[in-house]
Amino acid sequence: MSMNELRAIATFAKAVELGSLRRAAVAQGVSPQAASQALAQLEQHLGVRLLHRTTRNLALTDEGQQLLEAAQPALAALERALQRVRAAKDEVAGPLR
C-alpha cells in the first residue's frame, strides 16, 4: 500500500467521522481540493463509490461502510504505534552520568 492510499483512506475515515470532506481536510492540514481528489482517486483505484456526496451531506455507500469497518481498527492501531514512537524519542535512554 502506498502512502497516498493510506492518506486517502485516512481522509475518507475522517470525512465520515466529521460529516464533511472540508472539515476532514482542515483536520488533516490539506486543502479541500486535495482531500476531494484523494478520495476520488481512491474510489477510482477501488472501482467503487465510497460516499454519496452533495454540497450539504455525506452518506456512506455499502462499499464505503465495509471499507470503514475494516479500516478503522487498522488506522487506530497505526495511530497508537506512531504515538508510541513519538513518546519513545522523548524518553531518556542509555547510562546517565
PDB file of N, CA and C in Angstrom:
ATOM      1  N   MET A   1       0.849  -1.170   0.000  1.00  0.00           N
ATOM      2  CA  MET A   1       0.000   0.000   0.000  1.00  0.00           C
ATOM      3  C   MET A   1       0.894   1.232   0.000  1.00  0.00           C
ATOM      4  N   SER A   2       0.569   2.160  -0.886  1.00  0.00           N
ATOM      5  CA  SER A   2       1.370   3.386  -0.959  1.00  0.00           C
ATOM      6  C   SER A   2       0.927   4.378   0.116  1.00  0.00           C
ATOM      7  N   MET A   3       1.776   5.345   0.366  1.00  0.00           N
ATOM      8  CA  MET A   3       1.465   6.380   1.342  1.00  0.00           C
ATOM      9  C   MET A   3       0.242   7.182   0.894  1.00  0.00           C
ATOM     10  N   ASN A   4       0.097   7.394  -0.424  1.00  0.00           N
ATOM     11  CA  ASN A   4      -1.066   8.122  -0.929  1.00  0.00           C
ATOM     12  C   ASN A   4      -2.361   7.372  -0.633  1.00  0.00           C
ATOM     13  N   GLU A   5      -2.347   6.058  -0.785  1.00  0.00           N
ATOM     14  CA  GLU A   5      -3.534   5.265  -0.473  1.00  0.00           C
ATOM     15  C   GLU A   5      -3.867   5.350   1.016  1.00  0.00           C
ATOM     16  N   LEU A   6      -2.857   5.281   1.847  1.00  0.00           N
ATOM     17  CA  LEU A   6      -3.065   5.375   3.287  1.00  0.00           C
ATOM     18  C   LEU A   6      -3.664   6.730   3.656  1.00  0.00           C
ATOM     19  N   ARG A   7      -3.124   7.796   3.068  1.00  0.00           N
ATOM     20  CA  ARG A   7      -3.667   9.133   3.327  1.00  0.00           C
ATOM     21  C   ARG A   7      -5.108   9.245   2.838  1.00  0.00           C
ATOM     22  N   ALA A   8      -5.386   8.673   1.685  1.00  0.00           N
ATOM     23  CA  ALA A   8      -6.744   8.734   1.140  1.00  0.00           C
ATOM     24  C   ALA A   8      -7.724   7.979   2.034  1.00  0.00           C
ATOM     25  N   ILE A   9      -7.318   6.832   2.547  1.00  0.00           N
ATOM     26  CA  ILE A   9      -8.182   6.065   3.449  1.00  0.00           C
ATOM     27  C   ILE A   9      -8.394   6.838   4.745  1.00  0.00           C
ATOM     28  N   ALA A  10      -7.333   7.456   5.252  1.00  0.00           N
ATOM     29  CA  ALA A  10      -7.453   8.261   6.473  1.00  0.00           C
ATOM     30  C   ALA A  10      -8.374   9.460   6.233  1.00  0.00           C
ATOM     31  N   THR A  11      -8.280  10.082   5.073  1.00  0.00           N
ATOM     32  CA  THR A  11      -9.156  11.199   4.727  1.00  0.00           C
ATOM     33  C   THR A  11     -10.605  10.740   4.644  1.00  0.00           C
ATOM     34  N   PHE A  12     -10.806   9.599   4.028  1.00  0.00           N
ATOM     35  CA  PHE A  12     -12.155   9.025   3.924  1.00  0.00           C
ATOM     36  C   PHE A  12     -12.746   8.791   5.316  1.00  0.00           C
ATOM     37  N   ALA A  13     -11.979   8.158   6.190  1.00  0.00           N
ATOM     38  CA  ALA A  13     -12.467   7.860   7.537  1.00  0.00           C
ATOM     39  C   ALA A  13     -12.736   9.141   8.325  1.00  0.00           C
ATOM     40  N   LYS A  14     -11.861  10.137   8.196  1.00  0.00           N
ATOM     41  CA  LYS A  14     -12.044  11.402   8.909  1.00  0.00           C
ATOM     42  C   LYS A  14     -13.264  12.147   8.369  1.00  0.00           C
ATOM     43  N   ALA A  15     -13.493  12.091   7.072  1.00  0.00           N
ATOM     44  CA  ALA A  15     -14.668  12.744   6.477  1.00  0.00           C
ATOM     45  C   ALA A  15     -15.954  12.129   7.012  1.00  0.00           C
ATOM     46  N   VAL A  16     -15.972  10.815   7.137  1.00  0.00           N
ATOM     47  CA  VAL A  16     -17.156  10.148   7.689  1.00  0.00           C
ATOM     48  C   VAL A  16     -17.327  10.544   9.157  1.00  0.00           C
ATOM     49  N   GLU A  17     -16.230  10.544   9.907  1.00  0.00           N
ATOM     50  CA  GLU A  17     -16.274  10.889  11.330  1.00  0.00           C
ATOM     51  C   GLU A  17     -16.812  12.310  11.542  1.00  0.00           C
ATOM     52  N   LEU A  18     -16.331  13.257  10.721  1.00  0.00           N
ATOM     53  CA  LEU A  18     -16.686  14.662  10.897  1.00  0.00           C
ATOM     54  C   LEU A  18     -17.912  15.075  10.089  1.00  0.00           C
ATOM     55  N   GLY A  19     -18.336  14.212   9.180  1.00  0.00           N
ATOM     56  CA  GLY A  19     -19.524  14.510   8.384  1.00  0.00           C
ATOM     57  C   GLY A  19     -19.299  15.481   7.250  1.00  0.00           C
ATOM     58  N   SER A  20     -18.037  15.750   6.942  1.00  0.00           N
ATOM     59  CA  SER A  20     -17.727  16.730   5.908  1.00  0.00           C
ATOM     60  C   SER A  20     -16.322  16.496   5.368  1.00  0.00           C
ATOM     61  N   LEU A  21     -16.195  16.514   4.065  1.00  0.00           N
ATOM     62  CA  LEU A  21     -14.875  16.378   3.452  1.00  0.00           C
ATOM     63  C   LEU A  21     -14.049  17.633   3.721  1.00  0.00           C
ATOM     64  N   ARG A  22     -14.693  18.785   3.730  1.00  0.00           N
ATOM     65  CA  ARG A  22     -13.995  20.043   4.011  1.00  0.00           C
ATOM     66  C   ARG A  22     -13.419  20.037   5.432  1.00  0.00           C
ATOM     67  N   ARG A  23     -14.212  19.617   6.415  1.00  0.00           N
ATOM     68  CA  ARG A  23     -13.719  19.554   7.798  1.00  0.00           C
ATOM     69  C   ARG A  23     -12.605  18.528   7.933  1.00  0.00           C
ATOM     70  N   ALA A  24     -12.712  17.417   7.201  1.00  0.00           N
ATOM     71  CA  ALA A  24     -11.647  16.406   7.225  1.00  0.00           C
ATOM     72  C   ALA A  24     -10.356  16.987   6.666  1.00  0.00           C
ATOM     73  N   ALA A  25     -10.473  17.765   5.600  1.00  0.00           N
ATOM     74  CA  ALA A  25      -9.289  18.393   5.004  1.00  0.00           C
ATOM     75  C   ALA A  25      -8.623  19.335   5.993  1.00  0.00           C
ATOM     76  N   VAL A  26      -9.416  20.155   6.663  1.00  0.00           N
ATOM     77  CA  VAL A  26      -8.872  21.094   7.649  1.00  0.00           C
ATOM     78  C   VAL A  26      -8.199  20.321   8.785  1.00  0.00           C
ATOM     79  N   ALA A  27      -8.843  19.266   9.260  1.00  0.00           N
ATOM     80  CA  ALA A  27      -8.287  18.469  10.359  1.00  0.00           C
ATOM     81  C   ALA A  27      -6.961  17.824   9.980  1.00  0.00           C
ATOM     82  N   GLN A  28      -6.804  17.514   8.699  1.00  0.00           N
ATOM     83  CA  GLN A  28      -5.570  16.862   8.261  1.00  0.00           C
ATOM     84  C   GLN A  28      -4.551  17.839   7.679  1.00  0.00           C
ATOM     85  N   GLY A  29      -4.907  19.113   7.633  1.00  0.00           N
ATOM     86  CA  GLY A  29      -3.959  20.117   7.161  1.00  0.00           C
ATOM     87  C   GLY A  29      -3.743  20.117   5.660  1.00  0.00           C
ATOM     88  N   VAL A  30      -4.764  19.740   4.900  1.00  0.00           N
ATOM     89  CA  VAL A  30      -4.674  19.779   3.444  1.00  0.00           C
ATOM     90  C   VAL A  30      -5.821  20.626   2.912  1.00  0.00           C
ATOM     91  N   SER A  31      -5.740  20.992   1.657  1.00  0.00           N
ATOM     92  CA  SER A  31      -6.815  21.789   1.061  1.00  0.00           C
ATOM     93  C   SER A  31      -8.020  20.895   0.796  1.00  0.00           C
ATOM     94  N   PRO A  32      -9.207  21.468   0.783  1.00  0.00           N
ATOM     95  CA  PRO A  32     -10.398  20.675   0.452  1.00  0.00           C
ATOM     96  C   PRO A  32     -10.300  20.025  -0.936  1.00  0.00           C
ATOM     97  N   GLN A  33      -9.663  20.720  -1.864  1.00  0.00           N
ATOM     98  CA  GLN A  33      -9.489  20.161  -3.209  1.00  0.00           C
ATOM     99  C   GLN A  33      -8.594  18.928  -3.175  1.00  0.00           C
ATOM    100  N   ALA A  34      -7.527  18.981  -2.375  1.00  0.00           N
ATOM    101  CA  ALA A  34      -6.625  17.832  -2.266  1.00  0.00           C
ATOM    102  C   ALA A  34      -7.337  16.649  -1.626  1.00  0.00           C
ATOM    103  N   ALA A  35      -8.152  16.914  -0.611  1.00  0.00           N
ATOM    104  CA  ALA A  35      -8.902  15.838   0.044  1.00  0.00           C
ATOM    105  C   ALA A  35      -9.904  15.222  -0.926  1.00  0.00           C
ATOM    106  N   SER A  36     -10.591  16.065  -1.675  1.00  0.00           N
ATOM    107  CA  SER A  36     -11.572  15.580  -2.646  1.00  0.00           C
ATOM    108  C   SER A  36     -10.895  14.754  -3.733  1.00  0.00           C
ATOM    109  N   GLN A  37      -9.752  15.225  -4.194  1.00  0.00           N
ATOM    110  CA  GLN A  37      -9.008  14.500  -5.223  1.00  0.00           C
ATOM    111  C   GLN A  37      -8.497  13.160  -4.692  1.00  0.00           C
ATOM    112  N   ALA A  38      -8.016  13.133  -3.458  1.00  0.00           N
ATOM    113  CA  ALA A  38      -7.532  11.883  -2.863  1.00  0.00           C
ATOM    114  C   ALA A  38      -8.662  10.868  -2.767  1.00  0.00           C
ATOM    115  N   LEU A  39      -9.831  11.326  -2.342  1.00  0.00           N
ATOM    116  CA  LEU A  39     -10.980  10.431  -2.233  1.00  0.00           C
ATOM    117  C   LEU A  39     -11.410   9.931  -3.609  1.00  0.00           C
ATOM    118  N   ALA A  40     -11.418  10.815  -4.598  1.00  0.00           N
ATOM    119  CA  ALA A  40     -11.787  10.414  -5.960  1.00  0.00           C
ATOM    120  C   ALA A  40     -10.808   9.387  -6.509  1.00  0.00           C
ATOM    121  N   GLN A  41      -9.517   9.587  -6.239  1.00  0.00           N
ATOM    122  CA  GLN A  41      -8.511   8.630  -6.709  1.00  0.00           C
ATOM    123  C   GLN A  41      -8.666   7.285  -6.015  1.00  0.00           C
ATOM    124  N   LEU A  42      -8.989   7.295  -4.723  1.00  0.00           N
ATOM    125  CA  LEU A  42      -9.210   6.047  -4.002  1.00  0.00           C
ATOM    126  C   LEU A  42     -10.412   5.310  -4.587  1.00  0.00           C
ATOM    127  N   GLU A  43     -11.484   6.042  -4.826  1.00  0.00           N
ATOM    128  CA  GLU A  43     -12.670   5.418  -5.420  1.00  0.00           C
ATOM    129  C   GLU A  43     -12.354   4.853  -6.803  1.00  0.00           C
ATOM    130  N   GLN A  44     -11.592   5.585  -7.591  1.00  0.00           N
ATOM    131  CA  GLN A  44     -11.221   5.105  -8.921  1.00  0.00           C
ATOM    132  C   GLN A  44     -10.333   3.866  -8.815  1.00  0.00           C
ATOM    133  N   HIS A  45      -9.383   3.890  -7.898  1.00  0.00           N
ATOM    134  CA  HIS A  45      -8.478   2.746  -7.708  1.00  0.00           C
ATOM    135  C   HIS A  45      -9.246   1.493  -7.290  1.00  0.00           C
ATOM    136  N   LEU A  46     -10.227   1.672  -6.407  1.00  0.00           N
ATOM    137  CA  LEU A  46     -11.019   0.536  -5.931  1.00  0.00           C
ATOM    138  C   LEU A  46     -12.114   0.142  -6.913  1.00  0.00           C
ATOM    139  N   GLY A  47     -12.492   1.059  -7.773  1.00  0.00           N
ATOM    140  CA  GLY A  47     -13.546   0.778  -8.742  1.00  0.00           C
ATOM    141  C   GLY A  47     -14.941   0.812  -8.142  1.00  0.00           C
ATOM    142  N   VAL A  48     -15.091   1.481  -7.002  1.00  0.00           N
ATOM    143  CA  VAL A  48     -16.393   1.600  -6.341  1.00  0.00           C
ATOM    144  C   VAL A  48     -16.551   3.013  -5.802  1.00  0.00           C
ATOM    145  N   ARG A  49     -17.768   3.403  -5.614  1.00  0.00           N
ATOM    146  CA  ARG A  49     -18.071   4.685  -4.972  1.00  0.00           C
ATOM    147  C   ARG A  49     -18.184   4.426  -3.474  1.00  0.00           C
ATOM    148  N   LEU A  50     -17.494   5.226  -2.671  1.00  0.00           N
ATOM    149  CA  LEU A  50     -17.483   5.051  -1.221  1.00  0.00           C
ATOM    150  C   LEU A  50     -18.479   5.955  -0.519  1.00  0.00           C
ATOM    151  N   LEU A  51     -18.680   7.139  -1.080  1.00  0.00           N
ATOM    152  CA  LEU A  51     -19.576   8.122  -0.470  1.00  0.00           C
ATOM    153  C   LEU A  51     -20.503   8.718  -1.523  1.00  0.00           C
ATOM    154  N   HIS A  52     -21.724   8.965  -1.123  1.00  0.00           N
ATOM    155  CA  HIS A  52     -22.624   9.795  -1.909  1.00  0.00           C
ATOM    156  C   HIS A  52     -22.415  11.202  -1.362  1.00  0.00           C
ATOM    157  N   ARG A  53     -21.912  12.113  -2.207  1.00  0.00           N
ATOM    158  CA  ARG A  53     -21.604  13.457  -1.749  1.00  0.00           C
ATOM    159  C   ARG A  53     -22.545  14.474  -2.376  1.00  0.00           C
ATOM    160  N   THR A  54     -23.038  15.370  -1.563  1.00  0.00           N
ATOM    161  CA  THR A  54     -23.738  16.557  -2.036  1.00  0.00           C
ATOM    162  C   THR A  54     -23.063  17.747  -1.359  1.00  0.00           C
ATOM    163  N   THR A  55     -23.508  18.925  -1.668  1.00  0.00           N
ATOM    164  CA  THR A  55     -22.896  20.107  -1.055  1.00  0.00           C
ATOM    165  C   THR A  55     -23.177  20.172   0.435  1.00  0.00           C
ATOM    166  N   ARG A  56     -24.207  19.482   0.899  1.00  0.00           N
ATOM    167  CA  ARG A  56     -24.583  19.567   2.311  1.00  0.00           C
ATOM    168  C   ARG A  56     -24.494  18.250   3.074  1.00  0.00           C
ATOM    169  N   ASN A  57     -24.220  17.152   2.397  1.00  0.00           N
ATOM    170  CA  ASN A  57     -24.348  15.865   3.070  1.00  0.00           C
ATOM    171  C   ASN A  57     -23.363  14.837   2.517  1.00  0.00           C
ATOM    172  N   LEU A  58     -22.924  13.966   3.389  1.00  0.00           N
ATOM    173  CA  LEU A  58     -22.143  12.790   3.019  1.00  0.00           C
ATOM    174  C   LEU A  58     -22.919  11.567   3.476  1.00  0.00           C
ATOM    175  N   ALA A  59     -23.008  10.573   2.622  1.00  0.00           N
ATOM    176  CA  ALA A  59     -23.653   9.323   3.011  1.00  0.00           C
ATOM    177  C   ALA A  59     -22.799   8.171   2.505  1.00  0.00           C
ATOM    178  N   LEU A  60     -22.575   7.195   3.370  1.00  0.00           N
ATOM    179  CA  LEU A  60     -21.787   6.024   3.000  1.00  0.00           C
ATOM    180  C   LEU A  60     -22.557   5.132   2.032  1.00  0.00           C
ATOM    181  N   THR A  61     -21.843   4.602   1.053  1.00  0.00           N
ATOM    182  CA  THR A  61     -22.402   3.531   0.238  1.00  0.00           C
ATOM    183  C   THR A  61     -22.171   2.227   1.002  1.00  0.00           C
ATOM    184  N   ASP A  62     -22.726   1.131   0.513  1.00  0.00           N
ATOM    185  CA  ASP A  62     -22.480  -0.165   1.156  1.00  0.00           C
ATOM    186  C   ASP A  62     -20.991  -0.497   1.142  1.00  0.00           C
ATOM    187  N   GLU A  63     -20.339  -0.222   0.014  1.00  0.00           N
ATOM    188  CA  GLU A  63     -18.897  -0.483  -0.091  1.00  0.00           C
ATOM    189  C   GLU A  63     -18.108   0.417   0.852  1.00  0.00           C
ATOM    190  N   GLY A  64     -18.553   1.672   0.977  1.00  0.00           N
ATOM    191  CA  GLY A  64     -17.902   2.598   1.893  1.00  0.00           C
ATOM    192  C   GLY A  64     -18.028   2.138   3.330  1.00  0.00           C
ATOM    193  N   GLN A  65     -19.196   1.616   3.692  1.00  0.00           N
ATOM    194  CA  GLN A  65     -19.411   1.098   5.044  1.00  0.00           C
ATOM    195  C   GLN A  65     -18.479  -0.079   5.324  1.00  0.00           C
ATOM    196  N   GLN A  66     -18.341  -0.970   4.332  1.00  0.00           N
ATOM    197  CA  GLN A  66     -17.449  -2.122   4.502  1.00  0.00           C
ATOM    198  C   GLN A  66     -16.003  -1.671   4.681  1.00  0.00           C
ATOM    199  N   LEU A  67     -15.568  -0.716   3.858  1.00  0.00           N
ATOM    200  CA  LEU A  67     -14.191  -0.236   3.975  1.00  0.00           C
ATOM    201  C   LEU A  67     -13.974   0.446   5.321  1.00  0.00           C
ATOM    202  N   LEU A  68     -14.914   1.267   5.733  1.00  0.00           N
ATOM    203  CA  LEU A  68     -14.779   1.966   7.005  1.00  0.00           C
ATOM    204  C   LEU A  68     -14.670   0.989   8.163  1.00  0.00           C
ATOM    205  N   GLU A  69     -15.524  -0.011   8.195  1.00  0.00           N
ATOM    206  CA  GLU A  69     -15.495  -1.000   9.281  1.00  0.00           C
ATOM    207  C   GLU A  69     -14.183  -1.774   9.309  1.00  0.00           C
ATOM    208  N   ALA A  70     -13.634  -2.056   8.141  1.00  0.00           N
ATOM    209  CA  ALA A  70     -12.375  -2.796   8.074  1.00  0.00           C
ATOM    210  C   ALA A  70     -11.170  -1.895   8.366  1.00  0.00           C
ATOM    211  N   ALA A  71     -11.242  -0.633   7.966  1.00  0.00           N
ATOM    212  CA  ALA A  71     -10.080   0.255   8.069  1.00  0.00           C
ATOM    213  C   ALA A  71      -9.938   0.915   9.437  1.00  0.00           C
ATOM    214  N   GLN A  72     -11.034   1.184  10.131  1.00  0.00           N
ATOM    215  CA  GLN A  72     -10.943   1.907  11.403  1.00  0.00           C
ATOM    216  C   GLN A  72     -10.031   1.242  12.428  1.00  0.00           C
ATOM    217  N   PRO A  73     -10.130  -0.061  12.666  1.00  0.00           N
ATOM    218  CA  PRO A  73      -9.207  -0.668  13.640  1.00  0.00           C
ATOM    219  C   PRO A  73      -7.741  -0.562  13.203  1.00  0.00           C
ATOM    220  N   ALA A  74      -7.491  -0.700  11.915  1.00  0.00           N
ATOM    221  CA  ALA A  74      -6.117  -0.600  11.421  1.00  0.00           C
ATOM    222  C   ALA A  74      -5.590   0.827  11.565  1.00  0.00           C
ATOM    223  N   LEU A  75      -6.410   1.815  11.241  1.00  0.00           N
ATOM    224  CA  LEU A  75      -5.989   3.207  11.393  1.00  0.00           C
ATOM    225  C   LEU A  75      -5.731   3.544  12.857  1.00  0.00           C
ATOM    226  N   ALA A  76      -6.564   3.047  13.750  1.00  0.00           N
ATOM    227  CA  ALA A  76      -6.372   3.280  15.181  1.00  0.00           C
ATOM    228  C   ALA A  76      -5.065   2.636  15.657  1.00  0.00           C
ATOM    229  N   ALA A  77      -4.780   1.429  15.191  1.00  0.00           N
ATOM    230  CA  ALA A  77      -3.541   0.750  15.567  1.00  0.00           C
ATOM    231  C   ALA A  77      -2.323   1.507  15.045  1.00  0.00           C
ATOM    232  N   LEU A  78      -2.387   2.018  13.834  1.00  0.00           N
ATOM    233  CA  LEU A  78      -1.283   2.801  13.287  1.00  0.00           C
ATOM    234  C   LEU A  78      -1.069   4.078  14.085  1.00  0.00           C
ATOM    235  N   GLU A  79      -2.146   4.732  14.473  1.00  0.00           N
ATOM    236  CA  GLU A  79      -2.035   5.957  15.271  1.00  0.00           C
ATOM    237  C   GLU A  79      -1.384   5.665  16.624  1.00  0.00           C
ATOM    238  N   ARG A  80      -1.774   4.558  17.257  1.00  0.00           N
ATOM    239  CA  ARG A  80      -1.152   4.174  18.530  1.00  0.00           C
ATOM    240  C   ARG A  80       0.333   3.900  18.346  1.00  0.00           C
ATOM    241  N   ALA A  81       0.697   3.225  17.267  1.00  0.00           N
ATOM    242  CA  ALA A  81       2.106   2.930  17.006  1.00  0.00           C
ATOM    243  C   ALA A  81       2.899   4.216  16.804  1.00  0.00           C
ATOM    244  N   LEU A  82       2.342   5.164  16.077  1.00  0.00           N
ATOM    245  CA  LEU A  82       3.030   6.439  15.860  1.00  0.00           C
ATOM    246  C   LEU A  82       3.179   7.212  17.165  1.00  0.00           C
ATOM    247  N   GLN A  83       2.159   7.175  18.009  1.00  0.00           N
ATOM    248  CA  GLN A  83       2.253   7.857  19.306  1.00  0.00           C
ATOM    249  C   GLN A  83       3.327   7.231  20.181  1.00  0.00           C
ATOM    250  N   ARG A  84       3.434   5.897  20.144  1.00  0.00           N
ATOM    251  CA  ARG A  84       4.478   5.222  20.928  1.00  0.00           C
ATOM    252  C   ARG A  84       5.864   5.640  20.480  1.00  0.00           C
ATOM    253  N   VAL A  85       6.056   5.727  19.177  1.00  0.00           N
ATOM    254  CA  VAL A  85       7.364   6.120  18.652  1.00  0.00           C
ATOM    255  C   VAL A  85       7.680   7.557  19.048  1.00  0.00           C
ATOM    256  N   ARG A  86       6.688   8.440  18.925  1.00  0.00           N
ATOM    257  CA  ARG A  86       6.905   9.835  19.323  1.00  0.00           C
ATOM    258  C   ARG A  86       7.243   9.928  20.810  1.00  0.00           C
ATOM    259  N   ALA A  87       6.554   9.166  21.637  1.00  0.00           N
ATOM    260  CA  ALA A  87       6.797   9.188  23.074  1.00  0.00           C
ATOM    261  C   ALA A  87       8.163   8.601  23.403  1.00  0.00           C
ATOM    262  N   ALA A  88       8.569   7.580  22.680  1.00  0.00           N
ATOM    263  CA  ALA A  88       9.846   6.912  22.955  1.00  0.00           C
ATOM    264  C   ALA A  88      11.026   7.832  22.686  1.00  0.00           C
ATOM    265  N   LYS A  89      10.909   8.709  21.721  1.00  0.00           N
ATOM    266  CA  LYS A  89      12.039   9.604  21.425  1.00  0.00           C
ATOM    267  C   LYS A  89      12.265  10.619  22.534  1.00  0.00           C
ATOM    268  N   ASP A  90      11.233  10.856  23.345  1.00  0.00           N
ATOM    269  CA  ASP A  90      11.352  11.802  24.451  1.00  0.00           C
ATOM    270  C   ASP A  90      11.858  11.156  25.734  1.00  0.00           C
ATOM    271  N   GLU A  91      11.908   9.835  25.772  1.00  0.00           N
ATOM    272  CA  GLU A  91      12.374   9.137  26.965  1.00  0.00           C
ATOM    273  C   GLU A  91      13.893   9.136  27.021  1.00  0.00           C
ATOM    274  N   VAL A  92      14.408   9.173  28.200  1.00  0.00           N
ATOM    275  CA  VAL A  92      15.856   9.129  28.391  1.00  0.00           C
ATOM    276  C   VAL A  92      16.309   7.694  28.187  1.00  0.00           C
ATOM    277  N   ALA A  93      17.373   7.551  27.427  1.00  0.00           N
ATOM    278  CA  ALA A  93      17.902   6.219  27.156  1.00  0.00           C
ATOM    279  C   ALA A  93      19.405   6.210  27.378  1.00  0.00           C
ATOM    280  N   GLY A  94      19.911   5.062  27.733  1.00  0.00           N
ATOM    281  CA  GLY A  94      21.349   4.930  27.931  1.00  0.00           C
ATOM    282  C   GLY A  94      21.773   5.274  29.354  1.00  0.00           C
ATOM    283  N   PRO A  95      23.029   5.054  29.656  1.00  0.00           N
ATOM    284  CA  PRO A  95      23.543   5.330  31.008  1.00  0.00           C
ATOM    285  C   PRO A  95      23.631   6.833  31.265  1.00  0.00           C
ATOM    286  N   LEU A  96      23.255   7.212  32.460  1.00  0.00           N
ATOM    287  CA  LEU A  96      23.361   8.616  32.867  1.00  0.00           C
ATOM    288  C   LEU A  96      24.599   8.798  33.729  1.00  0.00           C
ATOM    289  N   ARG A  97      25.275   9.896  33.579  1.00  0.00           N
ATOM    290  CA  ARG A  97      26.479  10.169  34.363  1.00  0.00           C
ATOM    291  C   ARG A  97      26.351  11.498  35.059  1.00  0.00           C
TER     292      ARG A  97
END
